[in-house]
């Protein structure tokens, strides 16, 4: 009877350990996917800022939206930089600001096993990435609004005079 109970307990412990390792492995893969999504959102924000950089904007609302996009771009840049330095520190075997000259055997074992039993320090959440993706999604409309308000302005009188000429009406600006 005691052997059956003991084997059941061991089976539960082993099953729980493997489940924890699988979940943490999926979480690490998920972190790579989240970082990739964050990079794409960052590129879209950068494109919108570069595209509208030299376009004249006189509407205050467009200026406010551009400022919000710029702040989101800077936040995503800082977050990506933080993730790159953190990953480089973890791969290099050092924590931020802490260097080890001769790691002991228990520290090396702990460092090797740590990814399987806990979330990484400084991981990105899905809601954080969705926030930057929301900003990136809104940049398309912002660029269209800026282009429609700016790019056609010098040609409006020419277009109106052409349309008036086609209609047979004299147009004076």
C-alpha atoms as a PDB file:
ATOM      1  CA  UNK A   1       0.000   0.000   0.000  1.00  0.00           C
ATOM      2  CA  UNK A   2       2.793   2.416   0.912  1.00  0.00           C
ATOM      3  CA  UNK A   3       4.546   1.601  -2.383  1.00  0.00           C
ATOM      4  CA  UNK A   4       1.450   2.500  -4.381  1.00  0.00           C
ATOM      5  CA  UNK A   5       1.022   5.818  -2.559  1.00  0.00           C
ATOM      6  CA  UNK A   6       4.734   6.585  -2.945  1.00  0.00           C
ATOM      7  CA  UNK A   7       4.703   5.874  -6.678  1.00  0.00           C
ATOM      8  CA  UNK A   8       1.583   8.033  -7.097  1.00  0.00           C
ATOM      9  CA  UNK A   9       3.277  10.925  -5.287  1.00  0.00           C
ATOM     10  CA  UNK A  10       6.440  10.544  -7.384  1.00  0.00           C
ATOM     11  CA  UNK A  11       4.346  10.396 -10.549  1.00  0.00           C
ATOM     12  CA  UNK A  12       2.542  13.635  -9.602  1.00  0.00           C
ATOM     13  CA  UNK A  13       5.823  15.401  -8.789  1.00  0.00           C
ATOM     14  CA  UNK A  14       7.417  14.321 -12.076  1.00  0.00           C
ATOM     15  CA  UNK A  15       4.293  15.207 -14.038  1.00  0.00           C
ATOM     16  CA  UNK A  16       4.119  18.644 -12.386  1.00  0.00           C
ATOM     17  CA  UNK A  17       7.809  19.255 -13.066  1.00  0.00           C
ATOM     18  CA  UNK A  18       7.480  18.414 -16.754  1.00  0.00           C
ATOM     19  CA  UNK A  19       4.342  20.527 -17.013  1.00  0.00           C
ATOM     20  CA  UNK A  20       6.153  23.478 -15.436  1.00  0.00           C
ATOM     21  CA  UNK A  21       9.129  23.066 -17.765  1.00  0.00           C
ATOM     22  CA  UNK A  22       6.846  22.864 -20.836  1.00  0.00           C
ATOM     23  CA  UNK A  23       4.888  25.963 -19.789  1.00  0.00           C
ATOM     24  CA  UNK A  24       8.082  27.937 -19.167  1.00  0.00           C
ATOM     25  CA  UNK A  25       9.507  26.837 -22.522  1.00  0.00           C
ATOM     26  CA  UNK A  26       6.316  28.017 -24.240  1.00  0.00           C
ATOM     27  CA  UNK A  27       6.555  31.275 -22.289  1.00  0.00           C
ATOM     28  CA  UNK A  28      10.124  31.832 -23.489  1.00  0.00           C
ATOM     29  CA  UNK A  29       9.045  31.179 -27.083  1.00  0.00           C
ATOM     30  CA  UNK A  30       6.148  33.539 -26.494  1.00  0.00           C
ATOM     31  CA  UNK A  31       8.597  36.214 -25.273  1.00  0.00           C
ATOM     32  CA  UNK A  32      10.527  35.960 -28.549  1.00  0.00           C
ATOM     33  CA  UNK A  33       7.254  36.309 -30.457  1.00  0.00           C
ATOM     34  CA  UNK A  34       6.226  39.335 -28.359  1.00  0.00           C
ATOM     35  CA  UNK A  35       9.596  40.998 -28.974  1.00  0.00           C
ATOM     36  CA  UNK A  36       9.182  40.381 -32.711  1.00  0.00           C
ATOM     37  CA  UNK A  37       5.702  41.957 -32.653  1.00  0.00           C
ATOM     38  CA  UNK A  38       7.085  44.900 -30.696  1.00  0.00           C
ATOM     39  CA  UNK A  39       9.802  45.404 -33.320  1.00  0.00           C
ATOM     40  CA  UNK A  40       7.201  45.526 -36.101  1.00  0.00           C
ATOM     41  CA  UNK A  41       5.088  48.046 -34.189  1.00  0.00           C
ATOM     42  CA  UNK A  42       8.226  50.112 -33.551  1.00  0.00           C
ATOM     43  CA  UNK A  43       9.035  50.123 -37.288  1.00  0.00           C
ATOM     44  CA  UNK A  44       5.516  51.267 -38.171  1.00  0.00           C
ATOM     45  CA  UNK A  45       5.746  54.115 -35.657  1.00  0.00           C
ATOM     46  CA  UNK A  46       9.132  55.100 -37.061  1.00  0.00           C
ATOM     47  CA  UNK A  47       7.767  55.056 -40.627  1.00  0.00           C
ATOM     48  CA  UNK A  48       4.891  57.356 -39.682  1.00  0.00           C
ATOM     49  CA  UNK A  49       7.244  59.814 -38.004  1.00  0.00           C
ATOM     50  CA  UNK A  50       9.673  59.818 -40.926  1.00  0.00           C
ATOM     51  CA  UNK A  51       6.867  60.132 -43.473  1.00  0.00           C
ATOM     52  CA  UNK A  52       5.296  63.150 -41.765  1.00  0.00           C
ATOM     53  CA  UNK A  53       8.502  64.792 -40.553  1.00  0.00           C
ATOM     54  CA  UNK A  54       8.724  67.497 -43.204  1.00  0.00           C
ATOM     55  CA  UNK A  55       5.049  67.920 -43.929  1.00  0.00           C
ATOM     56  CA  UNK A  56       3.591  71.176 -42.658  1.00  0.00           C
ATOM     57  CA  UNK A  57       0.918  70.656 -40.020  1.00  0.00           C
ATOM     58  CA  UNK A  58      -1.103  73.593 -38.781  1.00  0.00           C
ATOM     59  CA  UNK A  59      -3.939  71.683 -37.107  1.00  0.00           C
ATOM     60  CA  UNK A  60      -3.344  71.358 -33.382  1.00  0.00           C
ATOM     61  CA  UNK A  61      -5.019  67.951 -33.252  1.00  0.00           C
ATOM     62  CA  UNK A  62      -2.583  66.548 -35.828  1.00  0.00           C
ATOM     63  CA  UNK A  63       0.337  67.983 -33.877  1.00  0.00           C
ATOM     64  CA  UNK A  64      -0.960  66.335 -30.687  1.00  0.00           C
ATOM     65  CA  UNK A  65      -1.363  62.986 -32.430  1.00  0.00           C
ATOM     66  CA  UNK A  66       2.154  63.253 -33.842  1.00  0.00           C
ATOM     67  CA  UNK A  67       3.482  63.976 -30.353  1.00  0.00           C
ATOM     68  CA  UNK A  68       1.682  60.911 -28.979  1.00  0.00           C
ATOM     69  CA  UNK A  69       3.135  58.772 -31.773  1.00  0.00           C
ATOM     70  CA  UNK A  70       6.584  60.171 -31.049  1.00  0.00           C
ATOM     71  CA  UNK A  71       6.250  59.355 -27.335  1.00  0.00           C
ATOM     72  CA  UNK A  72       5.072  55.814 -28.147  1.00  0.00           C
ATOM     73  CA  UNK A  73       8.012  55.447 -30.554  1.00  0.00           C
ATOM     74  CA  UNK A  74      10.475  56.529 -27.851  1.00  0.00           C
ATOM     75  CA  UNK A  75       8.887  54.184 -25.292  1.00  0.00           C
ATOM     76  CA  UNK A  76       9.056  51.222 -27.660  1.00  0.00           C
ATOM     77  CA  UNK A  77      12.662  52.076 -28.559  1.00  0.00           C
ATOM     78  CA  UNK A  78      13.610  52.197 -24.880  1.00  0.00           C
ATOM     79  CA  UNK A  79      11.807  48.926 -24.178  1.00  0.00           C
ATOM     80  CA  UNK A  80      13.520  47.179 -27.096  1.00  0.00           C
ATOM     81  CA  UNK A  81      16.905  48.501 -25.974  1.00  0.00           C
ATOM     82  CA  UNK A  82      16.233  47.294 -22.433  1.00  0.00           C
ATOM     83  CA  UNK A  83      15.288  43.845 -23.735  1.00  0.00           C
ATOM     84  CA  UNK A  84      18.424  43.640 -25.904  1.00  0.00           C
ATOM     85  CA  UNK A  85      20.745  44.632 -23.061  1.00  0.00           C
ATOM     86  CA  UNK A  86      18.971  42.299 -20.635  1.00  0.00           C
ATOM     87  CA  UNK A  87      19.213  39.390 -23.071  1.00  0.00           C
ATOM     88  CA  UNK A  88      22.876  40.169 -23.739  1.00  0.00           C
ATOM     89  CA  UNK A  89      23.566  40.267 -19.993  1.00  0.00           C
ATOM     90  CA  UNK A  90      21.760  36.974 -19.420  1.00  0.00           C
ATOM     91  CA  UNK A  91      23.519  35.274 -22.329  1.00  0.00           C
ATOM     92  CA  UNK A  92      26.842  36.680 -21.187  1.00  0.00           C
ATOM     93  CA  UNK A  93      26.292  35.172 -17.752  1.00  0.00           C
ATOM     94  CA  UNK A  94      26.030  38.422 -15.802  1.00  0.00           C
ATOM     95  CA  UNK A  95      23.133  40.219 -14.231  1.00  0.00           C
ATOM     96  CA  UNK A  96      22.938  44.006 -14.538  1.00  0.00           C
ATOM     97  CA  UNK A  97      25.902  45.470 -12.702  1.00  0.00           C
ATOM     98  CA  UNK A  98      26.969  42.143 -11.171  1.00  0.00           C
ATOM     99  CA  UNK A  99      29.995  40.266 -12.457  1.00  0.00           C
ATOM    100  CA  UNK A 100      31.140  36.925 -11.211  1.00  0.00           C
ATOM    101  CA  UNK A 101      34.800  36.034 -11.385  1.00  0.00           C
ATOM    102  CA  UNK A 102      34.573  32.306 -10.729  1.00  0.00           C
ATOM    103  CA  UNK A 103      31.020  30.987 -10.549  1.00  0.00           C
ATOM    104  CA  UNK A 104      30.601  28.110  -8.172  1.00  0.00           C
ATOM    105  CA  UNK A 105      29.026  24.842  -9.240  1.00  0.00           C
ATOM    106  CA  UNK A 106      25.679  25.606  -7.511  1.00  0.00           C
ATOM    107  CA  UNK A 107      25.527  29.033  -9.222  1.00  0.00           C
ATOM    108  CA  UNK A 108      26.224  27.480 -12.626  1.00  0.00           C
ATOM    109  CA  UNK A 109      23.549  24.856 -12.061  1.00  0.00           C
ATOM    110  CA  UNK A 110      21.078  27.512 -10.906  1.00  0.00           C
ATOM    111  CA  UNK A 111      21.841  29.648 -13.971  1.00  0.00           C
ATOM    112  CA  UNK A 112      21.332  26.656 -16.279  1.00  0.00           C
ATOM    113  CA  UNK A 113      18.063  25.572 -14.630  1.00  0.00           C
ATOM    114  CA  UNK A 114      16.596  29.059 -13.983  1.00  0.00           C
ATOM    115  CA  UNK A 115      14.828  29.433 -17.380  1.00  0.00           C
ATOM    116  CA  UNK A 116      12.832  26.264 -16.719  1.00  0.00           C
ATOM    117  CA  UNK A 117      11.514  27.214 -13.284  1.00  0.00           C
ATOM    118  CA  UNK A 118      10.714  30.896 -13.367  1.00  0.00           C
ATOM    119  CA  UNK A 119       9.810  33.758 -15.583  1.00  0.00           C
ATOM    120  CA  UNK A 120      12.668  35.857 -16.815  1.00  0.00           C
ATOM    121  CA  UNK A 121      13.320  39.158 -15.133  1.00  0.00           C
ATOM    122  CA  UNK A 122      12.085  42.021 -17.312  1.00  0.00           C
ATOM    123  CA  UNK A 123       9.793  40.010 -19.565  1.00  0.00           C
ATOM    124  CA  UNK A 124       7.351  41.829 -21.839  1.00  0.00           C
ATOM    125  CA  UNK A 125       3.623  41.379 -21.343  1.00  0.00           C
ATOM    126  CA  UNK A 126       1.167  40.847 -24.168  1.00  0.00           C
ATOM    127  CA  UNK A 127      -0.866  43.880 -23.115  1.00  0.00           C
ATOM    128  CA  UNK A 128       2.230  46.069 -23.420  1.00  0.00           C
ATOM    129  CA  UNK A 129       2.836  44.871 -26.987  1.00  0.00           C
ATOM    130  CA  UNK A 130      -0.853  45.285 -27.871  1.00  0.00           C
ATOM    131  CA  UNK A 131      -0.642  48.906 -26.696  1.00  0.00           C
ATOM    132  CA  UNK A 132       2.200  49.658 -29.125  1.00  0.00           C
ATOM    133  CA  UNK A 133       0.430  47.738 -31.888  1.00  0.00           C
ATOM    134  CA  UNK A 134      -2.643  49.920 -31.287  1.00  0.00           C
ATOM    135  CA  UNK A 135      -0.508  53.043 -31.745  1.00  0.00           C
ATOM    136  CA  UNK A 136       1.069  51.558 -34.870  1.00  0.00           C
ATOM    137  CA  UNK A 137      -2.364  50.712 -36.283  1.00  0.00           C
ATOM    138  CA  UNK A 138      -3.533  54.294 -35.760  1.00  0.00           C
ATOM    139  CA  UNK A 139      -0.505  55.709 -37.573  1.00  0.00           C
ATOM    140  CA  UNK A 140      -1.941  54.693 -40.968  1.00  0.00           C
ATOM    141  CA  UNK A 141      -4.923  56.998 -40.491  1.00  0.00           C
ATOM    142  CA  UNK A 142      -2.654  59.735 -39.138  1.00  0.00           C
ATOM    143  CA  UNK A 143      -0.371  59.576 -42.207  1.00  0.00           C
ATOM    144  CA  UNK A 144      -3.399  59.659 -44.519  1.00  0.00           C
ATOM    145  CA  UNK A 145      -4.841  62.661 -42.671  1.00  0.00           C
ATOM    146  CA  UNK A 146      -1.546  64.542 -42.829  1.00  0.00           C
ATOM    147  CA  UNK A 147      -1.016  63.720 -46.505  1.00  0.00           C
ATOM    148  CA  UNK A 148      -4.549  64.688 -47.465  1.00  0.00           C
ATOM    149  CA  UNK A 149      -4.240  67.964 -45.623  1.00  0.00           C
ATOM    150  CA  UNK A 150      -0.753  68.811 -46.857  1.00  0.00           C
ATOM    151  CA  UNK A 151       0.109  67.229 -50.170  1.00  0.00           C
ATOM    152  CA  UNK A 152      -2.840  68.612 -52.143  1.00  0.00           C
ATOM    153  CA  UNK A 153      -2.746  72.158 -50.741  1.00  0.00           C
ATOM    154  CA  UNK A 154      -0.432  73.663 -53.420  1.00  0.00           C
ATOM    155  CA  UNK A 155      -2.483  72.106 -56.225  1.00  0.00           C
ATOM    156  CA  UNK A 156      -6.008  72.925 -55.065  1.00  0.00           C
ATOM    157  CA  UNK A 157      -6.384  76.064 -57.148  1.00  0.00           C
ATOM    158  CA  UNK A 158      -5.080  74.248 -60.237  1.00  0.00           C
ATOM    159  CA  UNK A 159      -7.503  71.367 -59.719  1.00  0.00           C
ATOM    160  CA  UNK A 160     -10.442  73.734 -59.152  1.00  0.00           C
ATOM    161  CA  UNK A 161      -9.621  75.829 -62.213  1.00  0.00           C
ATOM    162  CA  UNK A 162      -9.280  72.654 -64.313  1.00  0.00           C
ATOM    163  CA  UNK A 163     -12.634  71.351 -63.043  1.00  0.00           C
ATOM    164  CA  UNK A 164     -14.252  74.733 -63.735  1.00  0.00           C
ATOM    165  CA  UNK A 165     -12.769  74.757 -67.229  1.00  0.00           C
ATOM    166  CA  UNK A 166     -14.158  71.297 -67.951  1.00  0.00           C
ATOM    167  CA  UNK A 167     -17.556  72.421 -66.721  1.00  0.00           C
ATOM    168  CA  UNK A 168     -17.372  75.542 -68.886  1.00  0.00           C
ATOM    169  CA  UNK A 169     -17.418  77.948 -65.967  1.00  0.00           C
ATOM    170  CA  UNK A 170     -14.794  80.605 -65.367  1.00  0.00           C
ATOM    171  CA  UNK A 171     -12.897  80.138 -62.099  1.00  0.00           C
ATOM    172  CA  UNK A 172     -11.107  82.988 -60.356  1.00  0.00           C
ATOM    173  CA  UNK A 173      -8.985  82.413 -57.287  1.00  0.00           C
END
